[in-house]
Structure formats: C-alpha cells, structure tokens
Protein backbone atom coordinates (compact mmCIF):
# COMPACT_ATOMS: atom_id res chain seq x y z
CA MET A 1 66.19 46.60 67.81
CA ASP A 2 64.66 48.21 70.75
CA LEU A 3 65.11 51.98 71.19
CA ILE A 4 66.49 52.70 74.67
CA LEU A 5 66.13 56.50 75.80
CA PRO A 6 68.57 57.57 78.49
CA GLN A 7 67.32 58.17 81.83
CA ILE A 8 67.19 61.77 82.76
CA ASP A 9 67.06 63.00 86.48
CA TRP A 10 64.83 66.12 86.22
CA LEU A 11 65.56 67.36 89.66
CA PRO A 12 68.05 69.58 89.08
CA LEU A 13 66.44 71.10 86.40
CA ALA A 14 63.42 72.08 88.79
CA PRO A 15 64.97 75.76 89.63
CA ILE A 16 65.97 76.23 85.77
CA LEU A 17 62.51 75.48 84.24
CA PRO A 18 60.41 78.24 85.68
CA VAL A 19 62.86 80.86 84.25
CA ALA A 20 62.78 78.74 80.78
CA ILE A 21 59.03 78.36 80.64
CA GLY A 22 58.58 81.97 81.83
CA GLY A 23 60.55 83.23 78.88
CA LEU A 24 58.61 81.44 76.65
CA ALA A 25 55.47 82.38 78.00
CA VAL A 26 56.17 86.10 78.07
CA LEU A 27 57.09 85.88 74.50
CA VAL A 28 53.96 84.18 73.39
CA GLY A 29 51.72 85.95 75.76
CA ASP A 30 52.80 89.48 74.38
CA LEU A 31 51.09 88.71 71.13
CA PHE A 32 47.53 88.23 73.25
CA PHE A 33 47.66 90.79 75.82
CA PRO A 34 45.74 94.14 75.23
CA ALA A 35 47.93 97.05 74.08
CA GLY A 36 47.28 99.03 77.28
CA ARG A 37 48.11 95.81 79.71
CA LYS A 38 51.78 95.47 78.58
CA ASN A 39 52.58 95.39 82.70
CA LEU A 40 51.22 91.53 82.39
CA ASN A 41 54.57 90.96 80.77
CA ALA A 42 56.39 92.30 84.05
CA ILE A 43 54.14 90.42 86.22
CA LEU A 44 54.46 87.16 84.53
CA SER A 45 58.02 87.47 84.93
CA LEU A 46 57.87 88.32 88.44
CA ALA A 47 56.00 85.19 88.89
CA SER A 48 58.11 82.90 87.16
CA LEU A 49 61.14 84.27 89.03
CA ALA A 50 59.44 83.93 92.30
CA LEU A 51 58.59 80.12 91.70
CA SER A 52 62.46 79.58 90.61
CA ILE A 53 63.29 80.96 94.23
CA PHE A 54 60.67 79.01 95.99
CA VAL A 55 62.09 75.69 94.39
CA SER A 56 65.47 76.64 94.91
CA ILE A 57 65.04 77.38 98.77
CA ARG A 58 63.04 74.09 99.01
CA LEU A 59 65.87 72.35 97.27
CA TRP A 60 68.83 73.80 99.56
CA GLY A 61 70.93 71.02 100.84
CA VAL A 62 70.03 68.64 97.82
CA VAL A 63 72.76 67.08 95.51
CA ARG A 64 72.08 65.39 92.27
CA PHE A 65 73.89 64.94 89.10
CA SER A 66 71.69 64.90 85.42
CA ILE A 67 72.59 64.30 82.05
CA ASN A 68 75.88 62.19 82.37
CA ASP A 69 77.17 64.95 85.11
CA ALA A 70 76.76 67.65 82.60
CA LEU A 71 74.28 69.49 85.21
CA VAL A 72 74.83 69.53 88.92
CA LEU A 73 72.41 70.53 91.76
CA ASP A 74 74.10 71.55 94.88
CA ARG A 75 74.35 74.39 97.36
CA PHE A 76 76.59 76.50 95.08
CA GLY A 77 74.38 76.29 92.14
CA LEU A 78 71.39 76.89 94.49
CA PHE A 79 73.00 80.01 96.16
CA PHE A 80 73.60 81.62 92.66
CA PHE A 81 70.22 80.50 91.35
CA LEU A 82 68.81 82.70 94.53
CA VAL A 83 71.26 85.50 93.60
CA PHE A 84 70.42 85.64 89.71
CA ALA A 85 66.77 85.32 90.45
CA LEU A 86 66.97 88.43 92.98
CA VAL A 87 68.95 90.26 90.43
CA SER A 88 66.31 89.74 87.49
CA LEU A 89 63.46 90.24 89.73
CA LEU A 90 64.83 93.65 90.68
CA THR A 91 65.82 94.43 87.14
CA VAL A 92 62.25 93.79 85.99
CA LEU A 93 60.74 95.80 88.98
CA LEU A 94 63.12 98.92 87.69
CA SER A 95 62.32 97.93 83.95
CA MET A 96 58.68 98.76 84.58
CA GLY A 97 59.75 102.34 85.91
CA TYR A 98 61.87 102.64 82.64
CA LEU A 99 59.91 101.36 80.08
CA ASP A 100 56.60 103.23 79.24
CA GLU A 101 53.24 101.64 78.05
CA LYS A 102 54.33 102.98 74.65
CA THR A 103 57.64 101.13 74.28
CA PRO A 104 57.35 98.51 71.77
CA ASP A 105 58.34 94.83 71.92
CA GLN A 106 58.33 94.64 75.92
CA GLY A 107 57.45 90.97 75.51
CA GLU A 108 60.89 90.54 73.57
CA TYR A 109 62.61 92.78 76.16
CA TYR A 110 61.41 90.63 79.22
CA SER A 111 61.88 87.31 77.65
CA LEU A 112 65.40 88.16 77.12
CA VAL A 113 65.50 89.04 80.57
CA LEU A 114 64.45 85.75 81.83
CA PHE A 115 66.75 83.80 78.54
CA SER A 116 69.63 85.88 80.00
CA THR A 117 69.16 84.39 83.69
CA LEU A 118 68.64 80.70 81.96
CA GLY A 119 71.87 81.16 80.68
CA MET A 120 73.46 82.33 83.96
CA MET A 121 71.91 79.14 85.74
CA LEU A 122 73.22 77.08 82.99
CA MET A 123 76.88 78.71 83.82
CA ALA A 124 76.56 78.42 87.79
CA SER A 125 75.42 74.70 87.51
CA GLY A 126 77.38 73.13 84.43
CA GLY A 127 79.41 69.95 85.45
CA ASP A 128 80.70 70.16 81.72
CA LEU A 129 82.77 72.87 79.98
CA VAL A 130 80.30 72.48 76.96
CA VAL A 131 77.25 73.42 79.31
CA ILE A 132 78.94 75.96 80.91
CA PHE A 133 79.89 77.42 77.19
CA LEU A 134 76.28 77.14 76.35
CA GLY A 135 75.05 78.91 79.28
CA LEU A 136 77.59 81.68 78.34
CA GLU A 137 76.54 82.09 74.76
CA THR A 138 72.50 81.88 75.68
CA LEU A 139 73.54 84.57 78.17
CA SER A 140 75.69 86.63 75.66
CA LEU A 141 73.11 86.74 72.51
CA ALA A 142 70.33 87.85 74.65
CA LEU A 143 72.31 90.77 76.52
CA TYR A 144 73.69 91.61 72.75
CA THR A 145 70.20 92.14 71.97
CA LEU A 146 69.13 93.97 74.99
CA SER A 147 72.08 96.19 74.79
CA GLY A 148 70.59 97.45 71.27
CA PHE A 149 66.96 97.43 72.42
CA ARG A 150 66.58 101.31 71.82
CA ARG A 151 67.01 100.59 68.13
CA ALA A 152 66.24 104.46 67.08
CA GLU A 153 69.19 105.32 69.24
CA LEU A 154 72.77 105.35 67.74
CA ARG A 155 74.49 104.88 70.79
CA SER A 156 72.61 101.84 71.77
CA ASN A 157 73.02 100.59 68.30
CA GLU A 158 76.85 101.07 68.93
CA SER A 159 76.41 99.43 72.38
CA ALA A 160 74.94 96.45 70.90
CA LEU A 161 77.64 96.09 68.04
CA LYS A 162 80.60 96.56 70.08
CA TYR A 163 79.57 93.86 72.58
CA LEU A 164 78.75 91.50 69.70
CA LEU A 165 82.08 91.82 67.88
CA LEU A 166 84.29 91.52 71.07
CA GLY A 167 82.18 88.97 72.89
CA ALA A 168 82.62 86.93 69.84
CA PHE A 169 86.34 86.94 70.14
CA ALA A 170 86.28 86.17 73.86
CA SER A 171 83.85 83.19 73.03
CA GLY A 172 86.44 82.00 70.51
CA PHE A 173 89.12 81.87 73.11
CA PHE A 174 86.73 80.22 75.84
CA LEU A 175 86.12 77.71 73.02
CA TYR A 176 89.40 77.10 72.28
CA GLY A 177 90.55 76.91 75.75
CA ILE A 178 87.59 73.92 76.32
CA ALA A 179 89.31 72.07 73.19
CA LEU A 180 92.70 72.00 74.68
CA ILE A 181 91.38 70.77 78.05
CA TYR A 182 89.77 68.01 76.30
CA GLY A 183 92.81 67.23 74.41
CA ALA A 184 94.96 67.17 77.36
CA THR A 185 92.32 65.08 79.68
CA GLY A 186 90.17 63.30 77.21
CA THR A 187 87.01 65.04 78.70
CA THR A 188 85.20 68.01 79.57
CA VAL A 189 83.31 66.93 82.40
CA LEU A 190 84.87 68.91 85.70
CA ARG A 191 84.72 65.95 87.90
CA ARG A 192 86.18 63.63 85.35
CA VAL A 193 89.13 66.40 84.83
CA ALA A 194 89.66 66.59 88.49
CA ALA A 195 89.80 62.97 88.81
CA PHE A 196 92.56 62.87 85.65
CA LEU A 197 94.69 65.45 87.64
CA ALA A 198 93.99 63.94 91.02
CA ASP A 199 95.66 60.57 89.60
CA GLY A 200 99.12 62.61 89.39
CA LYS A 201 99.39 62.02 85.56
CA SER A 202 101.50 64.34 83.90
CA HIS A 203 99.08 67.29 82.21
CA GLY A 204 101.73 69.15 80.25
CA PRO A 205 101.69 72.60 78.96
CA MET A 206 98.31 71.95 77.14
CA LEU A 207 96.39 72.19 80.14
CA VAL A 208 97.87 75.37 81.45
CA ILE A 209 97.51 76.98 78.17
CA GLY A 210 93.49 75.83 78.10
CA GLY A 211 93.12 77.38 81.42
CA GLY A 212 94.79 80.47 80.51
CA LEU A 213 92.32 80.85 77.35
CA LEU A 214 89.60 79.93 79.52
CA LEU A 215 90.70 83.04 81.93
CA VAL A 216 90.69 85.21 78.92
CA GLY A 217 86.91 84.05 78.31
CA PHE A 218 85.84 84.71 81.76
CA GLY A 219 88.14 87.99 82.20
CA PHE A 220 86.11 89.43 79.15
CA LYS A 221 82.84 88.89 80.96
CA VAL A 222 84.04 89.89 84.34
CA ALA A 223 85.66 93.23 82.90
CA SER A 224 88.79 92.54 84.07
CA VAL A 225 92.01 94.32 82.36
CA PRO A 226 92.76 93.92 80.14
CA PHE A 227 89.58 92.60 78.64
CA HIS A 228 87.62 95.61 79.80
CA MET A 229 87.55 97.58 76.53
CA TRP A 230 84.13 97.37 75.92
CA THR A 231 82.65 98.20 79.26
CA PRO A 232 82.39 101.59 79.12
CA ASP A 233 80.88 102.29 76.15
CA VAL A 234 78.44 99.46 76.30
CA TYR A 235 77.12 100.36 79.69
CA GLU A 236 76.65 103.93 78.64
CA GLY A 237 74.68 103.24 75.44
CA ALA A 238 72.59 100.28 76.49
CA PRO A 239 69.11 101.25 78.17
CA THR A 240 69.78 102.02 81.93
CA SER A 241 67.78 98.98 83.11
CA VAL A 242 69.92 96.74 80.94
CA THR A 243 73.08 98.36 81.98
CA ALA A 244 71.72 97.43 85.79
CA PHE A 245 71.22 93.81 84.92
CA MET A 246 74.59 93.48 83.20
CA ILE A 247 76.44 94.85 85.88
CA ALA A 248 75.30 92.83 88.22
CA GLY A 249 74.19 89.41 86.92
CA THR A 250 76.88 88.89 84.22
CA LYS A 251 79.76 89.25 86.81
CA ALA A 252 78.11 86.98 89.04
CA ALA A 253 77.48 84.30 86.40
CA ALA A 254 81.14 84.60 85.33
CA PHE A 255 82.58 84.10 88.63
CA ALA A 256 80.14 81.41 89.33
CA ALA A 257 81.23 79.58 86.55
CA PHE A 258 84.95 80.55 87.05
CA LEU A 259 84.88 78.91 90.69
CA ARG A 260 83.17 75.88 89.59
CA VAL A 261 85.95 75.44 86.86
CA PHE A 262 89.20 76.24 88.75
CA LEU A 263 88.20 75.31 92.26
CA LEU A 264 86.53 72.00 91.07
CA ALA A 265 88.23 70.83 88.19
CA LEU A 266 91.68 72.60 87.99
CA PRO A 267 92.84 73.32 91.66
CA THR A 268 96.04 71.54 90.92
CA LEU A 269 97.04 74.55 88.50
CA HIS A 270 96.63 76.86 91.48
CA ILE A 271 100.34 77.93 91.29
CA GLN A 272 100.42 78.75 87.60
CA TRP A 273 96.86 80.90 87.47
CA SER A 274 97.28 82.41 90.79
CA ALA A 275 100.13 84.52 89.69
CA ALA A 276 98.60 85.61 86.61
CA ILE A 277 95.48 86.64 88.71
CA TRP A 278 97.46 88.38 91.07
CA VAL A 279 98.56 90.99 88.40
CA LEU A 280 95.05 90.94 86.71
CA ALA A 281 93.60 92.12 90.24
CA VAL A 282 96.37 94.75 90.80
CA LEU A 283 95.54 96.20 86.96
CA THR A 284 91.73 95.97 87.27
CA MET A 285 91.71 97.73 90.56
CA THR A 286 93.79 100.63 90.00
CA LEU A 287 92.83 101.42 86.25
CA GLY A 288 89.09 100.98 87.14
CA ASN A 289 89.55 103.41 90.04
CA LEU A 290 91.81 106.01 88.63
CA VAL A 291 89.75 106.52 85.34
CA ALA A 292 86.56 106.43 87.39
CA LEU A 293 88.16 109.84 89.16
CA VAL A 294 87.43 112.22 85.94
CA GLN A 295 84.17 110.56 84.71
CA ASN A 296 81.34 113.24 84.76
CA ASN A 297 78.48 110.71 83.32
CA VAL A 298 77.22 108.84 86.18
CA LYS A 299 76.93 105.58 84.03
CA ARG A 300 80.56 105.70 82.92
CA MET A 301 81.23 106.23 86.35
CA LEU A 302 79.73 103.40 87.67
CA ALA A 303 81.13 101.46 84.73
CA TYR A 304 84.62 101.94 85.85
CA SER A 305 83.87 101.28 89.21
CA SER A 306 82.17 97.83 88.24
CA ILE A 307 85.60 97.04 86.73
CA ALA A 308 87.61 98.19 89.94
CA HIS A 309 84.75 95.69 91.91
CA ALA A 310 85.94 92.88 89.55
CA GLY A 311 89.57 93.71 90.89
CA TYR A 312 88.39 93.36 94.45
CA VAL A 313 86.61 89.95 93.63
CA LEU A 314 89.61 88.82 92.05
CA VAL A 315 91.68 89.53 95.05
CA ALA A 316 89.88 87.02 96.82
CA VAL A 317 90.17 84.66 94.12
CA VAL A 318 94.09 84.71 94.31
CA ALA A 319 93.46 84.09 98.04
CA GLY A 320 91.60 81.05 97.35
CA GLY A 321 90.49 78.42 99.99
CA SER A 322 87.39 78.37 101.95
CA SER A 323 87.59 81.68 103.14
CA GLY A 324 88.55 83.49 99.78
CA ALA A 325 85.89 81.43 97.87
CA ALA A 326 83.09 82.26 100.30
CA SER A 327 84.14 86.08 100.69
CA VAL A 328 83.60 85.99 96.67
CA LEU A 329 79.88 84.93 96.86
CA PHE A 330 79.30 87.24 99.81
CA TYR A 331 80.72 90.34 97.91
CA LEU A 332 78.57 89.40 94.70
CA VAL A 333 75.54 89.54 96.67
CA ALA A 334 76.43 92.92 98.18
CA TYR A 335 77.80 94.23 94.91
CA ALA A 336 74.67 93.23 93.21
CA LEU A 337 72.08 95.04 95.54
CA MET A 338 74.19 98.30 95.85
CA ASN A 339 74.90 98.49 92.28
CA LEU A 340 71.00 97.72 91.15
CA GLY A 341 69.90 100.24 93.85
CA ALA A 342 71.88 102.83 92.24
CA PHE A 343 70.56 102.12 89.05
CA ALA A 344 67.19 101.99 90.34
CA ALA A 345 67.34 105.32 91.93
CA ILE A 346 68.68 106.97 88.62
CA ILE A 347 65.46 105.25 86.83
CA ALA A 348 63.15 106.51 89.72
CA LEU A 349 64.76 109.89 89.31
CA GLN A 350 64.01 110.43 85.45
CA GLY A 351 61.18 112.83 84.34
CA HIS A 352 59.72 112.93 81.09
CA GLY A 353 62.03 110.54 79.44
CA GLN A 354 64.94 112.33 80.53
CA GLU A 355 67.23 110.59 82.65
CA LEU A 356 70.06 112.48 85.16
CA LEU A 357 73.26 111.08 83.55
CA PHE A 358 75.65 113.83 84.51
CA LEU A 359 76.94 114.82 88.04
CA GLY A 360 75.58 118.21 87.41
CA ASP A 361 72.22 116.97 87.21
CA TYR A 362 71.86 115.65 90.82
CA ALA A 363 72.67 119.38 92.48
CA GLY A 364 70.61 119.91 95.26
CA LEU A 365 68.97 116.16 94.46
CA GLY A 366 69.15 115.52 98.45
CA PHE A 367 66.68 118.57 99.51
CA ARG A 368 64.25 118.00 96.27
CA ARG A 369 63.97 114.26 96.71
CA PRO A 370 65.07 113.57 100.19
CA VAL A 371 64.24 109.51 100.46
CA LEU A 372 66.12 108.78 96.75
CA GLY A 373 68.63 110.94 97.85
CA ALA A 374 69.30 109.40 101.08
CA CYS A 375 69.12 106.07 99.25
CA MET A 376 71.60 107.15 96.51
CA ALA A 377 74.14 108.43 99.34
CA LEU A 378 73.68 104.92 101.02
CA PHE A 379 74.49 103.12 97.48
CA MET A 380 77.36 105.37 97.03
CA PHE A 381 78.66 104.68 100.79
CA SER A 382 78.32 100.93 100.18
CA LEU A 383 80.23 101.02 96.88
CA ALA A 384 82.95 103.12 98.45
CA GLY A 385 83.21 100.39 101.53
CA ILE A 386 81.97 102.54 104.26
CA PRO A 387 80.38 101.00 107.41
CA PRO A 388 77.95 99.68 108.16
CA THR A 389 77.00 98.86 104.76
CA ALA A 390 77.19 95.56 102.82
CA GLY A 391 80.32 97.05 100.67
CA PHE A 392 82.23 97.47 103.76
CA MET A 393 81.67 93.89 105.10
CA GLY A 394 82.40 92.33 101.61
CA LYS A 395 85.78 94.09 101.09
CA LEU A 396 86.28 93.34 104.95
CA TYR A 397 85.99 89.58 104.19
CA ILE A 398 87.68 89.81 101.10
CA PHE A 399 90.84 91.71 102.40
CA SER A 400 91.17 89.18 105.37
CA ALA A 401 90.86 86.35 102.94
CA ALA A 402 94.07 87.87 101.27
CA LEU A 403 95.90 88.34 104.43
CA GLU A 404 94.83 84.75 105.83
CA ALA A 405 96.50 83.56 102.59
CA HIS A 406 99.96 85.50 103.11
CA TYR A 407 99.22 87.98 100.30
CA PRO A 408 99.48 90.80 102.42
CA GLY A 409 100.87 93.12 99.26
CA LEU A 410 97.80 92.28 97.66
CA ALA A 411 95.49 93.25 100.45
CA VAL A 412 97.42 96.71 101.22
CA ILE A 413 96.86 97.57 97.18
CA GLY A 414 93.31 96.55 97.63
CA VAL A 415 92.94 99.10 100.54
CA LEU A 416 94.49 102.02 98.93
CA ASN A 417 92.24 101.31 95.65
CA SER A 418 89.47 101.59 97.84
CA VAL A 419 90.49 104.71 99.50
CA VAL A 420 91.01 106.32 96.32
CA SER A 421 87.64 105.46 95.00
CA VAL A 422 86.13 107.05 97.96
CA TYR A 423 86.78 110.44 96.14
CA PHE A 424 84.29 109.95 93.15
CA TYR A 425 81.70 108.22 95.23
CA LEU A 426 81.67 111.00 97.86
CA ARG A 427 81.90 113.52 94.97
CA LEU A 428 78.19 112.70 93.98
CA ILE A 429 77.02 112.59 97.46
CA VAL A 430 78.65 116.46 98.14
CA ILE A 431 76.95 117.57 94.80
CA MET A 432 73.57 116.47 95.97
CA TYR A 433 73.54 117.86 99.13
CA MET A 434 75.91 121.05 98.80
CA THR A 435 75.25 122.23 95.59
CA GLU A 436 72.49 124.57 94.46
CA PRO A 437 70.96 123.42 90.87
CA ALA A 438 71.50 125.63 87.76
CA THR A 439 67.70 125.48 86.90
CA GLU A 440 64.70 124.36 88.97
CA ARG A 441 63.41 120.96 87.70
CA PRO A 442 59.73 120.31 87.54
CA PRO A 443 58.13 117.75 89.91
CA VAL A 444 57.67 114.43 87.80
CA PRO A 445 55.52 111.15 88.97
CA ARG A 446 57.21 108.40 90.78
CA SER A 447 57.34 105.33 89.30
CA ALA A 448 56.18 102.82 91.98
CA PRO A 449 58.30 99.58 90.99
CA ALA A 450 61.21 101.36 90.60
CA VAL A 451 61.07 103.08 93.87
CA LEU A 452 60.42 99.57 95.27
CA ALA A 453 63.46 98.09 93.96
CA VAL A 454 65.23 101.28 95.59
CA GLY A 455 63.86 100.35 98.75
CA MET A 456 64.48 96.65 98.48
CA SER A 457 68.18 97.09 97.64
CA ALA A 458 68.50 99.74 100.29
CA LEU A 459 67.18 97.45 102.74
CA GLY A 460 69.24 94.38 101.48
CA THR A 461 72.61 96.89 101.61
CA LEU A 462 71.88 97.88 105.18
CA GLN A 463 70.87 94.20 106.48
CA ILE A 464 73.80 92.75 104.99
CA GLY A 465 76.02 95.21 106.28
CA LEU A 466 74.71 95.03 110.04
CA PHE A 467 73.86 91.35 110.12
CA PRO A 468 76.26 89.58 107.61
CA ALA A 469 76.85 86.48 109.91
CA ARG A 470 73.90 84.54 107.90
CA LEU A 471 74.64 85.60 104.27
CA LEU A 472 78.59 84.32 105.20
CA ASP A 473 77.10 81.37 106.47
CA LEU A 474 75.29 80.06 103.60
CA ALA A 475 78.22 81.42 101.17
CA ARG A 476 80.55 78.97 103.31
CA GLN A 477 78.15 76.12 102.92
CA SER A 478 78.02 76.64 98.91
CA ILE A 479 81.55 76.30 98.90
CA ALA A 480 81.81 73.32 100.84
CA ALA A 481 79.50 71.72 98.40
CA LEU A 482 82.85 72.19 95.75
CA GLY A 483 85.04 71.03 98.41
CA GLY A 484 86.55 74.42 98.54
C-alpha cells in the first residue's frame, strides 16, 4: 500500500516561518553568543521580524488556503501580520534599553517575544477554530513566562501566576465554545460554518451558547469588563517592556481572531451577540476610565486606560459592517503606536535601574528632558483623543461608524467617556510641565534603542493623525477580504 502524503501549500506560511525560525535561532544562538554580545539576540530578532514584514508586503493581495482551509492567506491576515511585526519590532527595540548586559536568559526573552508573535499570527490567519485556539495558547504560554521573567521580584511572580490561573479558565471557556459550535454545525472550519448557516438550517441554542463562550474567551484577552480583573495587577507586575508588548499585541491579536470568527463564520448571529457586546462596551469604557482617574501609578493608569480603549473598539464591533470593522483595524494600529511609545518613553527615562512609575516622578520632566517629555505629552494627547493625533482620528472613525449603524446612544456614551479620560491623561502633562521636582535627579545615559522606539512611535502617531486616508484604505481592503 502506497503512502500518499497530503499536498500542502506553503505560501500562506511564508510570512509566519521567519518569525518561527527566528525564535528557534535566537534560542539556540544564545548558547554560542559571547557573554558581552547579548545584543546579538535582539539583532537576530529584528532581522526575522524585518523579513516577515518584507514577505507580507510582497504577498499583499494574494488569497490562498492551506492545510484543508485551516490556514488562510488574505489581506486581512497580512494586515495584522504587519501590525504584529511592527509591535514586536518596537518591543525588541525598547527591550534593548530595558534589559542590561547583565540580565540573564536574554535569548529566552527574545525567543518568547517571537513565539508570542507567532501565536498572534496564527490567531489572525486561522481558518479553523482549532488553529485559532492553538495560536491563542502559543501566545498565552509565552506571555505567562514573560510576565514572570524577573524571577527575583515577588510582584513579577505574582503577575505570572494570576495571568496563568485566569488565562487557563478563559481557555476552558473558549475550548468549550468550540466544542458546542462543532456539535451544532459538524465542523470547526470557519468557511464551512458560514456555509452551514447560509443554507438556512436551524442552528438552535447550542450555536448561540457556543458563540457566547467564544466571546468570554476573547473578552478575557481584550480585557473587557467583567473579564478585566487580571489586567491591572499583571500589567503592573510584569517587566515594563513585556507590559508594552502585551498591551498592544494581545489586544490586536484577540480582535483579529474575533473579527474573523464573528464576521466570517457567525454573521447571522449578529442580533444575539451585538446586544451583549453593546453592554460590554459601555461597562468597559466606563469602568476603565473611572478607575483610571484615581491611579497614581503610571503603569496601573495605562492598564485601566487599556481597558477603556477595549471598550471603544467594542463600539465599532457593535456597529459592524465594513465601516465598523475597518475602524477597528485603524484604531488598533493607532492604539499600538501610542501605547508602545508611552512605555518606550518610560523605559528611556529610567536611570540606574529605577523606573519612573509614579506620577510624582515626572515632575519637571518637560524641562529636564524636553524631547522625551514632548513625546510623552504627544502620546497622552493621542490617548485622550485630541487632534491632530492618531487617537483622535481612530475615535472619530469609531463613533462615526456607530452613528452610521444607528447606535447614537452608544456613540454619545463613548464621547462622554473620552471626555472623562482627558483628565487623567492631561494630569500627567500638567505634572511634567507645571510641577517642580521634590528632589533633583542626576542625569542618566540615554538608551539609543529605546529613544529610537519613542521616535518611531511619535512619528507614526503624528503621521496617522495628519494623513489617515492611506491606513484607512488599507483597513477597508483588509475587511473586504472577509466579505465584511
């Protein structure tokens, strides 16, 4: 009997392979790099991410399916490949400023960043719920380890443990949701689920409950209320570079998979799940902004801010249609740039191992470090949604999509929440420029990679705010690939 091997189209894997091979290469190469040349780990990571970006750009417009439709290559996936690679690239840069030469296990650190990126890519390109789950677990397992990377710090250990325990529960909900959808439709392939529902077959409560359980799993990853409890403690306890990576990359990956599942496979359930997401959006925006008002720790403030921003993105998800989905993609890029920029500034300002984590630490910063202070102010303005920044344009598109979809109440609640958020963002700016420092801080050497990450993020934040048309056009092309 002849053994017949399945035919695999390797093209959909082309943007993913450089990241996977790069993660393995960094892990093995760290064994042979000289002790004083640990930056070679970062350089190798940057090279693999740059190669992935190059391949993704070259494949733009190509549509292919591989491994029995389990993996999809389309503009939607390629858009997120570019976002994930950009987030990881900036994370590596600011990590070079955060990790000193004496930090052990740098090879493991950078390889975990790349493996996390690999998980994100699988989530965005998964054409099968099982592949999306594998991507989710690849991402999560790497992030659990990264959260506790500073093993000598109790807070970092606590961060990893909380994230692991709650993440395991969320994964259970997600997996049970997949089982129910399989029971209702007989398949986990998204295109076949969509075809099953398009035939007008009765799906019954099993499919609705399965979709709800998937919503719980995605809600945990995007930190929406009431699945947000882990966010402040994990973001505060994790190393700052890891927090930056999580706050930008994890949310983008979860929303990428969410849109692919609910827009491609389950569009007929829009009435059932849109009402639930409407409530989640309101609760998430409101709680995130209100609790952020009373935070004095910058990392916790940005953690609750990230919860509120998840609520803004959920507004666009409720709106649905091509406008709502395109505004999700646009906002995720803007959100990644302004958050990574803020954390890169925090890292660039640290000195002698001491991070500026409390608002009082930023007193007089605008005059002591004028360029970094101006960049930090720019990121705060963008997070608050003040023109002409990327954050303003992102919120404008989201609330416009909500009005277009006849959700004026949701748009008004979003605008009011955005107004509330101005207080705690401008509070930091006021402290930087209008408060005298309690003690003089000695000058500290600047980390060139972290400063580069700040500069790239600042330029991106301004460029998208001033010239948003190109990015919005790419987002619309990407959504069109899903039939959104």
